[in-house]
Amino acid sequence: MECHPEVKQGLEWTICQGTQRFQSSRPRWWYFVISNCKPASWRGLSVFAEYKIEMKNGDSTFLKHFSADEYYVLPVDTGFLLLELILYILSIFLARALKARHFLHSTFKLCRVAILFEIISLSVLVWSYCGYGWHGIWILHSKNTGYYVRGVQQSLFLLFLLLVAKGYTITA
């Protein structure tokens, strides 16, 4: 790191620029401290600091900005998004077969709507996590929106399970 004195608006500033790389073999907490090291007569003066810190976990394009507990959220959500898409496509074929036999019940439609809401929530979450992984900045409100849509999906799926448990779909 390089430091040099500079006078701004009649005050002497110490300007430091550079990069510092910390490497660790496991997740850790890091603390940074800036202090005034002048003699006792300077104690009343504050330390003004402008800084930019970019912390990364490795060099992977989509994973470098995630903390250790969020490291595999993006790949897992992407995998489940693909599985939900396959499940929804299969439900379309099953719905056609049930409609042809006049067995397409409203609970199955409710289940398909719940799957669709899960696809929407996972799409929003994957988009949000991709943006964060790429730039290191959360896309405004997208993560919360994904979780709200997931809450609607879980409510619909729970309603579906309750209706099935009560025997609403039993046909003679």
N, C-alpha and C. Protein backbone atom coordinates (compact mmCIF):
# COMPACT_ATOMS: atom_id res chain seq x y z
N MET A 1 0.85 -1.16 0.00
CA MET A 1 0.00 0.00 0.00
C MET A 1 0.90 1.23 0.00
N GLU A 2 0.56 2.22 -0.81
CA GLU A 2 1.35 3.45 -0.91
C GLU A 2 0.59 4.60 -0.27
N CYS A 3 1.29 5.39 0.55
CA CYS A 3 0.69 6.55 1.20
C CYS A 3 1.52 7.79 0.88
N HIS A 4 0.84 8.92 0.72
CA HIS A 4 1.53 10.18 0.49
C HIS A 4 0.69 11.32 1.08
N PRO A 5 1.36 12.38 1.58
CA PRO A 5 0.62 13.52 2.14
C PRO A 5 0.06 14.39 1.02
N GLU A 6 -1.10 14.98 1.30
CA GLU A 6 -1.74 15.85 0.32
C GLU A 6 -2.52 16.92 1.08
N VAL A 7 -2.51 18.14 0.58
CA VAL A 7 -3.23 19.23 1.24
C VAL A 7 -4.54 19.47 0.49
N LYS A 8 -5.66 19.37 1.22
CA LYS A 8 -6.99 19.62 0.66
C LYS A 8 -7.70 20.61 1.57
N GLN A 9 -8.14 21.72 1.01
CA GLN A 9 -8.89 22.75 1.73
C GLN A 9 -8.14 23.22 2.98
N GLY A 10 -6.83 23.34 2.87
CA GLY A 10 -6.01 23.83 3.98
C GLY A 10 -5.68 22.80 5.03
N LEU A 11 -6.12 21.57 4.87
CA LEU A 11 -5.83 20.51 5.82
C LEU A 11 -4.91 19.47 5.20
N GLU A 12 -4.04 18.91 6.01
CA GLU A 12 -3.14 17.89 5.50
C GLU A 12 -3.80 16.52 5.63
N TRP A 13 -3.85 15.84 4.53
CA TRP A 13 -4.45 14.51 4.47
C TRP A 13 -3.36 13.51 4.12
N THR A 14 -3.51 12.31 4.61
CA THR A 14 -2.65 11.22 4.19
C THR A 14 -3.48 10.32 3.27
N ILE A 15 -3.08 10.26 2.03
CA ILE A 15 -3.81 9.49 1.03
C ILE A 15 -3.09 8.16 0.82
N CYS A 16 -3.83 7.08 1.02
CA CYS A 16 -3.27 5.74 0.83
C CYS A 16 -4.09 5.01 -0.22
N GLN A 17 -3.44 4.40 -1.16
CA GLN A 17 -4.12 3.63 -2.19
C GLN A 17 -3.37 2.32 -2.38
N GLY A 18 -4.14 1.31 -2.73
CA GLY A 18 -3.52 0.02 -2.99
C GLY A 18 -4.49 -1.10 -2.73
N THR A 19 -4.00 -2.28 -2.86
CA THR A 19 -4.83 -3.45 -2.61
C THR A 19 -4.14 -4.32 -1.56
N GLN A 20 -4.93 -5.06 -0.87
CA GLN A 20 -4.41 -5.99 0.12
C GLN A 20 -5.15 -7.30 -0.07
N ARG A 21 -4.44 -8.38 -0.14
CA ARG A 21 -5.07 -9.69 -0.36
C ARG A 21 -4.84 -10.55 0.88
N PHE A 22 -5.95 -11.06 1.43
CA PHE A 22 -5.89 -11.99 2.55
C PHE A 22 -6.37 -13.33 2.03
N GLN A 23 -5.64 -14.36 2.29
CA GLN A 23 -6.07 -15.69 1.88
C GLN A 23 -6.19 -16.58 3.11
N SER A 24 -7.22 -17.41 3.08
CA SER A 24 -7.46 -18.30 4.20
C SER A 24 -7.92 -19.64 3.66
N SER A 25 -7.60 -20.69 4.38
CA SER A 25 -8.00 -22.03 3.94
C SER A 25 -9.41 -22.39 4.40
N ARG A 26 -10.00 -21.58 5.27
CA ARG A 26 -11.36 -21.86 5.74
C ARG A 26 -12.06 -20.52 5.99
N PRO A 27 -13.39 -20.53 6.17
CA PRO A 27 -14.11 -19.27 6.42
C PRO A 27 -13.65 -18.62 7.73
N ARG A 28 -13.52 -17.31 7.68
CA ARG A 28 -13.10 -16.55 8.86
C ARG A 28 -13.86 -15.23 8.92
N TRP A 29 -13.83 -14.61 10.11
CA TRP A 29 -14.32 -13.25 10.30
C TRP A 29 -13.11 -12.33 10.23
N TRP A 30 -13.25 -11.22 9.51
CA TRP A 30 -12.17 -10.25 9.40
C TRP A 30 -12.64 -8.93 10.00
N TYR A 31 -11.74 -8.25 10.72
CA TYR A 31 -12.02 -6.96 11.32
C TYR A 31 -10.96 -5.96 10.84
N PHE A 32 -11.39 -4.77 10.49
CA PHE A 32 -10.48 -3.73 10.03
C PHE A 32 -10.58 -2.54 10.98
N VAL A 33 -9.44 -1.97 11.33
CA VAL A 33 -9.40 -0.85 12.27
C VAL A 33 -8.59 0.28 11.65
N ILE A 34 -9.12 1.51 11.77
CA ILE A 34 -8.39 2.71 11.36
C ILE A 34 -8.26 3.57 12.62
N SER A 35 -7.05 4.01 12.92
CA SER A 35 -6.86 4.78 14.15
C SER A 35 -5.97 5.98 13.89
N ASN A 36 -6.02 6.95 14.81
CA ASN A 36 -5.19 8.15 14.77
C ASN A 36 -3.95 7.87 15.62
N CYS A 37 -2.79 7.82 15.00
CA CYS A 37 -1.56 7.46 15.71
C CYS A 37 -0.73 8.69 16.07
N LYS A 38 -1.31 9.87 16.01
CA LYS A 38 -0.58 11.11 16.36
C LYS A 38 -0.42 11.20 17.88
N PRO A 39 0.42 12.14 18.37
CA PRO A 39 0.61 12.30 19.82
C PRO A 39 -0.69 12.68 20.54
N ALA A 40 -0.61 12.73 21.86
CA ALA A 40 -1.78 12.97 22.71
C ALA A 40 -2.49 14.28 22.37
N SER A 41 -1.77 15.28 21.89
CA SER A 41 -2.39 16.57 21.58
C SER A 41 -3.38 16.46 20.41
N TRP A 42 -3.32 15.39 19.65
CA TRP A 42 -4.20 15.21 18.49
C TRP A 42 -5.42 14.35 18.83
N ARG A 43 -5.58 13.94 20.05
CA ARG A 43 -6.64 13.00 20.40
C ARG A 43 -8.04 13.51 20.10
N GLY A 44 -8.24 14.81 20.17
CA GLY A 44 -9.58 15.34 19.93
C GLY A 44 -10.00 15.31 18.47
N LEU A 45 -9.07 15.10 17.57
CA LEU A 45 -9.39 15.11 16.15
C LEU A 45 -9.88 13.74 15.71
N SER A 46 -10.86 13.75 14.84
CA SER A 46 -11.41 12.50 14.31
C SER A 46 -10.58 12.01 13.13
N VAL A 47 -10.79 10.78 12.81
CA VAL A 47 -10.17 10.19 11.63
C VAL A 47 -11.25 10.11 10.56
N PHE A 48 -11.04 10.77 9.45
CA PHE A 48 -11.96 10.72 8.32
C PHE A 48 -11.38 9.74 7.31
N ALA A 49 -12.20 8.80 6.89
CA ALA A 49 -11.71 7.78 5.97
C ALA A 49 -12.76 7.51 4.90
N GLU A 50 -12.31 7.43 3.68
CA GLU A 50 -13.13 6.97 2.57
C GLU A 50 -12.49 5.68 2.09
N TYR A 51 -13.28 4.65 1.95
CA TYR A 51 -12.70 3.37 1.58
C TYR A 51 -13.67 2.56 0.74
N LYS A 52 -13.14 1.64 0.02
CA LYS A 52 -13.92 0.68 -0.75
C LYS A 52 -13.31 -0.69 -0.48
N ILE A 53 -14.15 -1.58 0.04
CA ILE A 53 -13.68 -2.93 0.33
C ILE A 53 -14.47 -3.91 -0.52
N GLU A 54 -13.78 -4.72 -1.24
CA GLU A 54 -14.42 -5.79 -2.01
C GLU A 54 -13.87 -7.11 -1.48
N MET A 55 -14.76 -7.88 -0.88
CA MET A 55 -14.34 -9.16 -0.30
C MET A 55 -14.86 -10.29 -1.17
N LYS A 56 -13.99 -11.23 -1.48
CA LYS A 56 -14.34 -12.32 -2.38
C LYS A 56 -13.98 -13.66 -1.77
N ASN A 57 -14.71 -14.67 -2.18
CA ASN A 57 -14.39 -16.05 -1.85
C ASN A 57 -13.95 -16.72 -3.14
N GLY A 58 -12.68 -16.76 -3.40
CA GLY A 58 -12.16 -17.40 -4.61
C GLY A 58 -12.30 -16.50 -5.82
N ASP A 59 -12.07 -17.09 -6.97
CA ASP A 59 -12.09 -16.33 -8.22
C ASP A 59 -13.18 -16.78 -9.18
N SER A 60 -14.06 -17.65 -8.75
CA SER A 60 -15.14 -18.11 -9.62
C SER A 60 -16.07 -16.94 -9.96
N THR A 61 -16.47 -16.84 -11.21
CA THR A 61 -17.25 -15.69 -11.67
C THR A 61 -18.55 -15.52 -10.90
N PHE A 62 -19.28 -16.60 -10.69
CA PHE A 62 -20.60 -16.47 -10.06
C PHE A 62 -20.58 -16.73 -8.56
N LEU A 63 -19.49 -17.17 -7.99
CA LEU A 63 -19.48 -17.52 -6.58
C LEU A 63 -18.58 -16.65 -5.72
N LYS A 64 -17.81 -15.76 -6.31
CA LYS A 64 -16.78 -15.04 -5.56
C LYS A 64 -17.32 -14.07 -4.52
N HIS A 65 -18.55 -13.56 -4.67
CA HIS A 65 -19.07 -12.57 -3.73
C HIS A 65 -19.91 -13.18 -2.60
N PHE A 66 -20.14 -14.47 -2.62
CA PHE A 66 -20.99 -15.09 -1.62
C PHE A 66 -20.21 -15.43 -0.37
N SER A 67 -20.87 -15.30 0.77
CA SER A 67 -20.25 -15.71 2.03
C SER A 67 -20.24 -17.24 2.09
N ALA A 68 -19.56 -17.76 3.09
CA ALA A 68 -19.41 -19.21 3.18
C ALA A 68 -20.75 -19.92 3.34
N ASP A 69 -21.71 -19.31 4.03
CA ASP A 69 -22.99 -19.97 4.22
C ASP A 69 -23.92 -19.83 3.03
N GLU A 70 -23.61 -18.96 2.08
CA GLU A 70 -24.42 -18.80 0.87
C GLU A 70 -23.73 -19.36 -0.38
N TYR A 71 -22.61 -20.01 -0.20
CA TYR A 71 -21.75 -20.36 -1.33
C TYR A 71 -22.42 -21.24 -2.38
N TYR A 72 -23.25 -22.18 -1.98
CA TYR A 72 -23.85 -23.09 -2.95
C TYR A 72 -25.34 -22.83 -3.17
N VAL A 73 -25.84 -21.68 -2.76
CA VAL A 73 -27.26 -21.37 -2.95
C VAL A 73 -27.59 -21.25 -4.44
N LEU A 74 -26.78 -20.55 -5.20
CA LEU A 74 -27.05 -20.36 -6.63
C LEU A 74 -27.06 -21.67 -7.41
N PRO A 75 -26.06 -22.56 -7.29
CA PRO A 75 -26.13 -23.82 -8.03
C PRO A 75 -27.31 -24.70 -7.61
N VAL A 76 -27.63 -24.72 -6.32
CA VAL A 76 -28.74 -25.54 -5.84
C VAL A 76 -30.07 -25.00 -6.36
N ASP A 77 -30.26 -23.67 -6.28
CA ASP A 77 -31.50 -23.07 -6.80
C ASP A 77 -31.64 -23.28 -8.30
N THR A 78 -30.53 -23.19 -9.03
CA THR A 78 -30.57 -23.42 -10.48
C THR A 78 -30.96 -24.87 -10.78
N GLY A 79 -30.41 -25.80 -10.04
CA GLY A 79 -30.77 -27.21 -10.22
C GLY A 79 -32.24 -27.47 -9.93
N PHE A 80 -32.76 -26.90 -8.85
CA PHE A 80 -34.17 -27.09 -8.53
C PHE A 80 -35.08 -26.37 -9.52
N LEU A 81 -34.61 -25.25 -10.09
CA LEU A 81 -35.40 -24.58 -11.12
C LEU A 81 -35.56 -25.50 -12.34
N LEU A 82 -34.48 -26.15 -12.73
CA LEU A 82 -34.56 -27.08 -13.87
C LEU A 82 -35.47 -28.26 -13.54
N LEU A 83 -35.39 -28.79 -12.32
CA LEU A 83 -36.28 -29.89 -11.93
C LEU A 83 -37.74 -29.46 -11.91
N GLU A 84 -38.02 -28.27 -11.42
CA GLU A 84 -39.40 -27.77 -11.40
C GLU A 84 -39.93 -27.55 -12.82
N LEU A 85 -39.07 -27.09 -13.73
CA LEU A 85 -39.49 -26.93 -15.13
C LEU A 85 -39.84 -28.28 -15.74
N ILE A 86 -39.03 -29.29 -15.48
CA ILE A 86 -39.33 -30.64 -15.97
C ILE A 86 -40.64 -31.14 -15.38
N LEU A 87 -40.83 -30.92 -14.08
CA LEU A 87 -42.06 -31.35 -13.42
C LEU A 87 -43.28 -30.64 -14.01
N TYR A 88 -43.15 -29.36 -14.33
CA TYR A 88 -44.28 -28.63 -14.90
C TYR A 88 -44.60 -29.12 -16.32
N ILE A 89 -43.57 -29.40 -17.09
CA ILE A 89 -43.79 -29.94 -18.44
C ILE A 89 -44.48 -31.30 -18.36
N LEU A 90 -44.05 -32.15 -17.42
CA LEU A 90 -44.72 -33.44 -17.23
C LEU A 90 -46.17 -33.25 -16.78
N SER A 91 -46.43 -32.24 -15.96
CA SER A 91 -47.81 -31.99 -15.51
C SER A 91 -48.70 -31.54 -16.66
N ILE A 92 -48.14 -30.88 -17.66
CA ILE A 92 -48.92 -30.49 -18.84
C ILE A 92 -49.39 -31.73 -19.59
N PHE A 93 -48.47 -32.68 -19.79
CA PHE A 93 -48.86 -33.92 -20.48
C PHE A 93 -49.87 -34.71 -19.65
N LEU A 94 -49.66 -34.76 -18.36
CA LEU A 94 -50.60 -35.47 -17.49
C LEU A 94 -51.97 -34.79 -17.48
N ALA A 95 -52.00 -33.46 -17.50
CA ALA A 95 -53.27 -32.73 -17.54
C ALA A 95 -54.03 -33.04 -18.82
N ARG A 96 -53.33 -33.14 -19.94
CA ARG A 96 -54.00 -33.49 -21.21
C ARG A 96 -54.62 -34.88 -21.13
N ALA A 97 -53.87 -35.83 -20.56
CA ALA A 97 -54.39 -37.19 -20.44
C ALA A 97 -55.59 -37.24 -19.50
N LEU A 98 -55.54 -36.51 -18.40
CA LEU A 98 -56.65 -36.48 -17.45
C LEU A 98 -57.87 -35.79 -18.06
N LYS A 99 -57.65 -34.75 -18.83
CA LYS A 99 -58.77 -34.04 -19.45
C LYS A 99 -59.46 -34.93 -20.48
N ALA A 100 -58.69 -35.71 -21.19
CA ALA A 100 -59.28 -36.62 -22.19
C ALA A 100 -60.16 -37.67 -21.51
N ARG A 101 -59.84 -38.06 -20.31
CA ARG A 101 -60.62 -39.06 -19.58
C ARG A 101 -61.64 -38.41 -18.63
N HIS A 102 -61.75 -37.08 -18.67
CA HIS A 102 -62.66 -36.31 -17.81
C HIS A 102 -62.36 -36.49 -16.34
N PHE A 103 -61.06 -36.56 -15.99
CA PHE A 103 -60.63 -36.68 -14.61
C PHE A 103 -59.77 -35.49 -14.17
N LEU A 104 -59.77 -34.42 -14.95
CA LEU A 104 -58.96 -33.25 -14.59
C LEU A 104 -59.67 -32.50 -13.47
N HIS A 105 -59.21 -32.71 -12.24
CA HIS A 105 -59.86 -32.17 -11.05
C HIS A 105 -59.23 -30.83 -10.67
N SER A 106 -59.95 -30.04 -9.92
CA SER A 106 -59.47 -28.71 -9.54
C SER A 106 -58.25 -28.78 -8.61
N THR A 107 -58.11 -29.85 -7.85
CA THR A 107 -56.93 -29.96 -6.99
C THR A 107 -55.66 -30.16 -7.82
N PHE A 108 -55.77 -30.87 -8.94
CA PHE A 108 -54.61 -31.01 -9.81
C PHE A 108 -54.25 -29.67 -10.44
N LYS A 109 -55.27 -28.89 -10.79
CA LYS A 109 -55.01 -27.55 -11.31
C LYS A 109 -54.32 -26.68 -10.26
N LEU A 110 -54.77 -26.83 -9.00
CA LEU A 110 -54.15 -26.08 -7.90
C LEU A 110 -52.69 -26.49 -7.72
N CYS A 111 -52.41 -27.77 -7.85
CA CYS A 111 -51.03 -28.25 -7.76
C CYS A 111 -50.17 -27.68 -8.88
N ARG A 112 -50.72 -27.61 -10.08
CA ARG A 112 -49.97 -27.03 -11.22
C ARG A 112 -49.71 -25.55 -11.01
N VAL A 113 -50.67 -24.83 -10.43
CA VAL A 113 -50.46 -23.40 -10.14
C VAL A 113 -49.36 -23.24 -9.09
N ALA A 114 -49.35 -24.13 -8.09
CA ALA A 114 -48.29 -24.08 -7.07
C ALA A 114 -46.92 -24.34 -7.70
N ILE A 115 -46.85 -25.28 -8.61
CA ILE A 115 -45.58 -25.55 -9.30
C ILE A 115 -45.15 -24.33 -10.12
N LEU A 116 -46.12 -23.69 -10.78
CA LEU A 116 -45.81 -22.50 -11.58
C LEU A 116 -45.29 -21.37 -10.70
N PHE A 117 -45.89 -21.16 -9.53
CA PHE A 117 -45.41 -20.13 -8.62
C PHE A 117 -44.01 -20.46 -8.10
N GLU A 118 -43.72 -21.74 -7.90
CA GLU A 118 -42.37 -22.12 -7.47
C GLU A 118 -41.36 -21.83 -8.58
N ILE A 119 -41.75 -22.06 -9.82
CA ILE A 119 -40.86 -21.74 -10.95
C ILE A 119 -40.60 -20.24 -11.00
N ILE A 120 -41.64 -19.44 -10.79
CA ILE A 120 -41.48 -17.99 -10.81
C ILE A 120 -40.56 -17.55 -9.67
N SER A 121 -40.79 -18.08 -8.46
CA SER A 121 -39.95 -17.67 -7.32
C SER A 121 -38.50 -18.08 -7.52
N LEU A 122 -38.27 -19.30 -8.01
CA LEU A 122 -36.89 -19.75 -8.25
C LEU A 122 -36.23 -18.94 -9.37
N SER A 123 -37.00 -18.56 -10.39
CA SER A 123 -36.43 -17.74 -11.46
C SER A 123 -35.99 -16.38 -10.94
N VAL A 124 -36.82 -15.76 -10.11
CA VAL A 124 -36.46 -14.46 -9.53
C VAL A 124 -35.26 -14.60 -8.60
N LEU A 125 -35.23 -15.65 -7.80
CA LEU A 125 -34.09 -15.86 -6.89
C LEU A 125 -32.80 -16.15 -7.64
N VAL A 126 -32.87 -16.97 -8.68
CA VAL A 126 -31.67 -17.26 -9.47
C VAL A 126 -31.17 -15.99 -10.16
N TRP A 127 -32.09 -15.18 -10.68
CA TRP A 127 -31.72 -13.92 -11.31
C TRP A 127 -31.06 -12.99 -10.29
N SER A 128 -31.61 -12.94 -9.10
CA SER A 128 -31.05 -12.10 -8.04
C SER A 128 -29.66 -12.58 -7.62
N TYR A 129 -29.52 -13.88 -7.41
CA TYR A 129 -28.23 -14.42 -7.01
C TYR A 129 -27.19 -14.31 -8.13
N CYS A 130 -27.61 -14.44 -9.38
CA CYS A 130 -26.67 -14.25 -10.50
C CYS A 130 -26.14 -12.82 -10.53
N GLY A 131 -27.06 -11.86 -10.35
CA GLY A 131 -26.63 -10.46 -10.31
C GLY A 131 -25.67 -10.19 -9.17
N TYR A 132 -25.95 -10.76 -8.01
CA TYR A 132 -25.06 -10.57 -6.87
C TYR A 132 -23.72 -11.26 -7.10
N GLY A 133 -23.75 -12.46 -7.65
CA GLY A 133 -22.51 -13.18 -7.91
C GLY A 133 -21.64 -12.49 -8.94
N TRP A 134 -22.27 -11.86 -9.91
CA TRP A 134 -21.51 -11.21 -10.98
C TRP A 134 -20.96 -9.86 -10.55
N HIS A 135 -21.81 -9.01 -9.91
CA HIS A 135 -21.41 -7.64 -9.60
C HIS A 135 -21.10 -7.40 -8.12
N GLY A 136 -21.59 -8.29 -7.25
CA GLY A 136 -21.39 -8.07 -5.82
C GLY A 136 -22.40 -7.12 -5.21
N ILE A 137 -23.46 -6.78 -5.96
CA ILE A 137 -24.49 -5.86 -5.49
C ILE A 137 -25.84 -6.53 -5.67
N TRP A 138 -26.65 -6.53 -4.61
CA TRP A 138 -27.98 -7.13 -4.71
C TRP A 138 -28.86 -6.31 -5.63
N ILE A 139 -29.63 -6.98 -6.47
CA ILE A 139 -30.61 -6.31 -7.32
C ILE A 139 -31.77 -5.91 -6.42
N LEU A 140 -32.13 -4.65 -6.44
CA LEU A 140 -33.07 -4.06 -5.50
C LEU A 140 -34.37 -4.86 -5.39
N HIS A 141 -34.69 -5.33 -4.23
CA HIS A 141 -35.93 -6.01 -3.86
C HIS A 141 -36.16 -7.35 -4.57
N SER A 142 -35.27 -7.81 -5.40
CA SER A 142 -35.54 -9.04 -6.14
C SER A 142 -35.50 -10.28 -5.23
N LYS A 143 -34.58 -10.31 -4.30
CA LYS A 143 -34.49 -11.47 -3.40
C LYS A 143 -35.76 -11.56 -2.55
N ASN A 144 -36.21 -10.43 -2.00
CA ASN A 144 -37.43 -10.44 -1.19
C ASN A 144 -38.65 -10.82 -2.03
N THR A 145 -38.72 -10.32 -3.26
CA THR A 145 -39.83 -10.67 -4.14
C THR A 145 -39.87 -12.18 -4.38
N GLY A 146 -38.72 -12.78 -4.62
CA GLY A 146 -38.65 -14.23 -4.80
C GLY A 146 -39.16 -14.97 -3.58
N TYR A 147 -38.80 -14.48 -2.40
CA TYR A 147 -39.28 -15.14 -1.18
C TYR A 147 -40.77 -14.93 -0.95
N TYR A 148 -41.31 -13.77 -1.33
CA TYR A 148 -42.75 -13.54 -1.21
C TYR A 148 -43.53 -14.46 -2.14
N VAL A 149 -43.06 -14.59 -3.37
CA VAL A 149 -43.72 -15.50 -4.32
C VAL A 149 -43.63 -16.94 -3.81
N ARG A 150 -42.50 -17.29 -3.21
CA ARG A 150 -42.37 -18.63 -2.63
C ARG A 150 -43.36 -18.83 -1.49
N GLY A 151 -43.63 -17.80 -0.71
CA GLY A 151 -44.63 -17.89 0.36
C GLY A 151 -46.02 -18.15 -0.20
N VAL A 152 -46.37 -17.49 -1.32
CA VAL A 152 -47.66 -17.75 -1.97
C VAL A 152 -47.70 -19.19 -2.46
N GLN A 153 -46.61 -19.66 -3.04
CA GLN A 153 -46.54 -21.03 -3.54
C GLN A 153 -46.72 -22.03 -2.41
N GLN A 154 -46.07 -21.80 -1.30
CA GLN A 154 -46.19 -22.74 -0.19
C GLN A 154 -47.61 -22.75 0.38
N SER A 155 -48.27 -21.59 0.39
CA SER A 155 -49.66 -21.54 0.86
C SER A 155 -50.57 -22.32 -0.08
N LEU A 156 -50.37 -22.17 -1.38
CA LEU A 156 -51.18 -22.91 -2.35
C LEU A 156 -50.93 -24.41 -2.24
N PHE A 157 -49.67 -24.79 -2.08
CA PHE A 157 -49.36 -26.21 -1.97
C PHE A 157 -49.92 -26.81 -0.69
N LEU A 158 -49.88 -26.04 0.39
CA LEU A 158 -50.46 -26.51 1.65
C LEU A 158 -51.98 -26.67 1.52
N LEU A 159 -52.63 -25.75 0.83
CA LEU A 159 -54.06 -25.88 0.56
C LEU A 159 -54.34 -27.14 -0.25
N PHE A 160 -53.51 -27.39 -1.26
CA PHE A 160 -53.64 -28.60 -2.07
C PHE A 160 -53.53 -29.86 -1.18
N LEU A 161 -52.54 -29.89 -0.30
CA LEU A 161 -52.36 -31.05 0.57
C LEU A 161 -53.53 -31.23 1.53
N LEU A 162 -54.06 -30.13 2.05
CA LEU A 162 -55.22 -30.22 2.95
C LEU A 162 -56.45 -30.76 2.22
N LEU A 163 -56.67 -30.30 0.98
CA LEU A 163 -57.80 -30.79 0.22
C LEU A 163 -57.68 -32.26 -0.11
N VAL A 164 -56.48 -32.69 -0.46
CA VAL A 164 -56.26 -34.10 -0.76
C VAL A 164 -56.43 -34.93 0.51
N ALA A 165 -55.94 -34.44 1.64
CA ALA A 165 -56.06 -35.18 2.91
C ALA A 165 -57.51 -35.30 3.34
N LYS A 166 -58.32 -34.32 3.03
CA LYS A 166 -59.75 -34.39 3.40
C LYS A 166 -60.58 -35.22 2.43
N GLY A 167 -59.93 -35.72 1.36
CA GLY A 167 -60.64 -36.57 0.43
C GLY A 167 -61.42 -35.82 -0.62
N TYR A 168 -61.04 -34.57 -0.88
CA TYR A 168 -61.76 -33.75 -1.86
C TYR A 168 -61.66 -34.31 -3.27
N THR A 169 -60.62 -35.05 -3.57
CA THR A 169 -60.44 -35.56 -4.94
C THR A 169 -60.93 -36.99 -5.13
N ILE A 170 -61.52 -37.57 -4.13
CA ILE A 170 -61.99 -38.96 -4.24
C ILE A 170 -63.17 -39.00 -5.20
N THR A 171 -63.06 -39.83 -6.21
CA THR A 171 -64.15 -40.00 -7.17
C THR A 171 -64.64 -41.43 -7.10
N ALA A 172 -65.90 -41.59 -7.40
CA ALA A 172 -66.50 -42.93 -7.30
C ALA A 172 -66.28 -43.74 -8.55
